Amino acid sequence: MREKSYRFALRIVDAYKTLSSEKKEFVLAKQMLRSATAIGANVEEADAAISRAEFSAKISIAYKEARETSYWLRLLCESSYLDKRSFDTLFAACDELCRLLRAILRSSGRIRTGAADNTQSA
């Protein structure tokens, strides 16, 4: 999880550089950058947690940041700032992170198995 979230953050940093330099889009891209890099930061904090509750809380935040990142990716694509190919690869990676984080939350008891499971959909 740590490596996947870190690699995803690097890809988002590259996308942010492109969006800000070539498309001159700063506001939405900055929001995407902030939420996407927060995923890995919270996973790192979870890894250093001193209690089960702290671990669950940090993974929960990482999951919420991943969901927010998917929102910004969709918005950037629908507003024609992010091309379809870039969107597809970034969204797929984000969706994978969402699913993994949700599974961790489920196994930690933070989310009940019967709860509504609405991860991602484009």
Protein backbone atom coordinates (compact mmCIF):
# COMPACT_ATOMS: atom_id res chain seq x y z
CA MET A 1 0.00 0.00 0.00
CA ARG A 2 2.81 2.39 0.87
CA GLU A 3 4.57 1.84 -2.44
CA LYS A 4 1.37 2.02 -4.51
CA SER A 5 0.28 5.28 -2.90
CA TYR A 6 3.77 6.75 -3.30
CA ARG A 7 3.97 5.79 -7.00
CA PHE A 8 0.49 7.21 -7.55
CA ALA A 9 1.53 10.49 -5.92
CA LEU A 10 4.52 10.71 -8.28
CA ARG A 11 2.23 10.24 -11.28
CA ILE A 12 -0.08 12.95 -9.98
CA VAL A 13 2.87 15.32 -9.49
CA ASP A 14 3.76 14.78 -13.15
CA ALA A 15 0.15 15.40 -14.20
CA TYR A 16 0.09 18.57 -12.08
CA LYS A 17 3.26 19.83 -13.77
CA THR A 18 1.68 19.26 -17.18
CA LEU A 19 -1.65 20.84 -16.23
CA SER A 20 -0.05 23.92 -14.74
CA SER A 21 2.59 24.47 -17.42
CA GLU A 22 0.78 23.44 -20.61
CA LYS A 23 -2.90 23.99 -19.81
CA LYS A 24 -2.37 26.88 -17.39
CA GLU A 25 -4.87 25.28 -15.02
CA PHE A 26 -3.89 25.86 -11.41
CA VAL A 27 -6.92 25.69 -9.11
CA LEU A 28 -8.37 22.25 -9.90
CA ALA A 29 -4.93 20.75 -10.50
CA LYS A 30 -3.71 22.02 -7.11
CA GLN A 31 -6.70 20.43 -5.39
CA MET A 32 -5.96 17.13 -7.15
CA LEU A 33 -2.29 17.37 -6.16
CA ARG A 34 -3.16 18.09 -2.53
CA SER A 35 -5.61 15.23 -2.10
CA ALA A 36 -3.56 12.68 -4.07
CA THR A 37 -0.36 13.32 -2.15
CA ALA A 38 -2.30 13.17 1.14
CA ILE A 39 -3.21 9.54 0.42
CA GLY A 40 0.36 8.33 0.77
CA ALA A 41 1.11 10.67 3.66
CA ASN A 42 -1.78 9.20 5.64
CA VAL A 43 -0.77 5.65 4.74
CA GLU A 44 2.71 6.44 6.09
CA GLU A 45 1.19 7.79 9.29
CA ALA A 46 -1.00 4.70 9.60
CA ASP A 47 2.09 2.54 9.28
CA ALA A 48 3.57 4.36 12.28
CA ALA A 49 0.37 4.27 14.34
CA ILE A 50 0.70 3.36 17.98
CA SER A 51 -2.82 1.98 18.33
CA ARG A 52 -5.39 0.16 16.26
CA ALA A 53 -7.73 3.15 16.50
CA GLU A 54 -5.04 5.51 15.22
CA PHE A 55 -4.25 3.12 12.36
CA SER A 56 -7.91 2.94 11.36
CA ALA A 57 -8.33 6.71 11.58
CA LYS A 58 -5.36 7.37 9.27
CA ILE A 59 -6.46 4.73 6.76
CA SER A 60 -9.93 6.26 6.84
CA ILE A 61 -8.48 9.67 6.00
CA ALA A 62 -6.39 8.14 3.21
CA TYR A 63 -9.55 6.54 1.79
CA LYS A 64 -11.42 9.86 1.87
CA GLU A 65 -8.50 11.61 0.15
CA ALA A 66 -8.49 8.90 -2.54
CA ARG A 67 -12.21 9.43 -3.11
CA GLU A 68 -11.64 13.18 -3.32
CA THR A 69 -8.84 12.64 -5.82
CA SER A 70 -11.19 10.65 -8.03
CA TYR A 71 -13.57 13.61 -7.98
CA TRP A 72 -10.87 16.05 -9.12
CA LEU A 73 -9.72 13.64 -11.83
CA ARG A 74 -13.27 13.33 -13.17
CA LEU A 75 -13.75 17.09 -13.05
CA LEU A 76 -10.47 17.75 -14.87
CA CYS A 77 -11.39 15.23 -17.56
CA GLU A 78 -14.96 16.45 -18.03
CA SER A 79 -13.74 20.05 -18.28
CA SER A 80 -11.25 18.99 -20.98
CA TYR A 81 -8.13 19.82 -19.00
CA LEU A 82 -7.09 16.18 -18.67
CA ASP A 83 -7.05 14.03 -21.79
CA LYS A 84 -8.99 10.77 -21.80
CA ARG A 85 -5.89 8.56 -21.92
CA SER A 86 -4.29 10.25 -18.92
CA PHE A 87 -7.59 10.21 -17.07
CA ASP A 88 -8.12 6.50 -17.71
CA THR A 89 -4.73 5.48 -16.32
CA LEU A 90 -4.81 7.83 -13.33
CA PHE A 91 -8.43 7.02 -12.51
CA ALA A 92 -7.74 3.26 -12.66
CA ALA A 93 -4.82 3.67 -10.25
CA CYS A 94 -6.93 5.84 -7.95
CA ASP A 95 -9.77 3.34 -8.06
CA GLU A 96 -7.37 0.56 -7.10
CA LEU A 97 -6.17 2.59 -4.11
CA CYS A 98 -9.78 3.23 -3.07
CA ARG A 99 -10.59 -0.46 -3.23
CA LEU A 100 -7.48 -1.45 -1.28
CA LEU A 101 -8.05 1.17 1.40
CA ARG A 102 -11.69 0.19 1.73
CA ALA A 103 -10.69 -3.46 2.12
CA ILE A 104 -8.23 -2.48 4.87
CA LEU A 105 -10.97 -0.52 6.61
CA ARG A 106 -13.33 -3.48 6.33
CA SER A 107 -10.76 -5.89 7.78
CA SER A 108 -9.98 -3.49 10.62
CA GLY A 109 -13.65 -3.40 11.56
CA ARG A 110 -14.02 0.31 10.71
CA ILE A 111 -16.56 -0.52 7.95
CA ARG A 112 -19.12 -3.28 8.33
CA THR A 113 -19.20 -5.76 5.47
CA GLY A 114 -22.89 -5.16 4.81
CA ALA A 115 -22.46 -1.38 4.50
CA ALA A 116 -23.11 0.25 1.14
CA ASP A 117 -20.03 -0.40 -0.96
CA ASN A 118 -19.93 2.41 -3.47
CA THR A 119 -16.25 2.68 -4.32
CA GLN A 120 -15.64 4.20 -7.73
CA SER A 121 -17.48 4.60 -10.99
CA ALA A 122 -16.71 6.98 -13.81
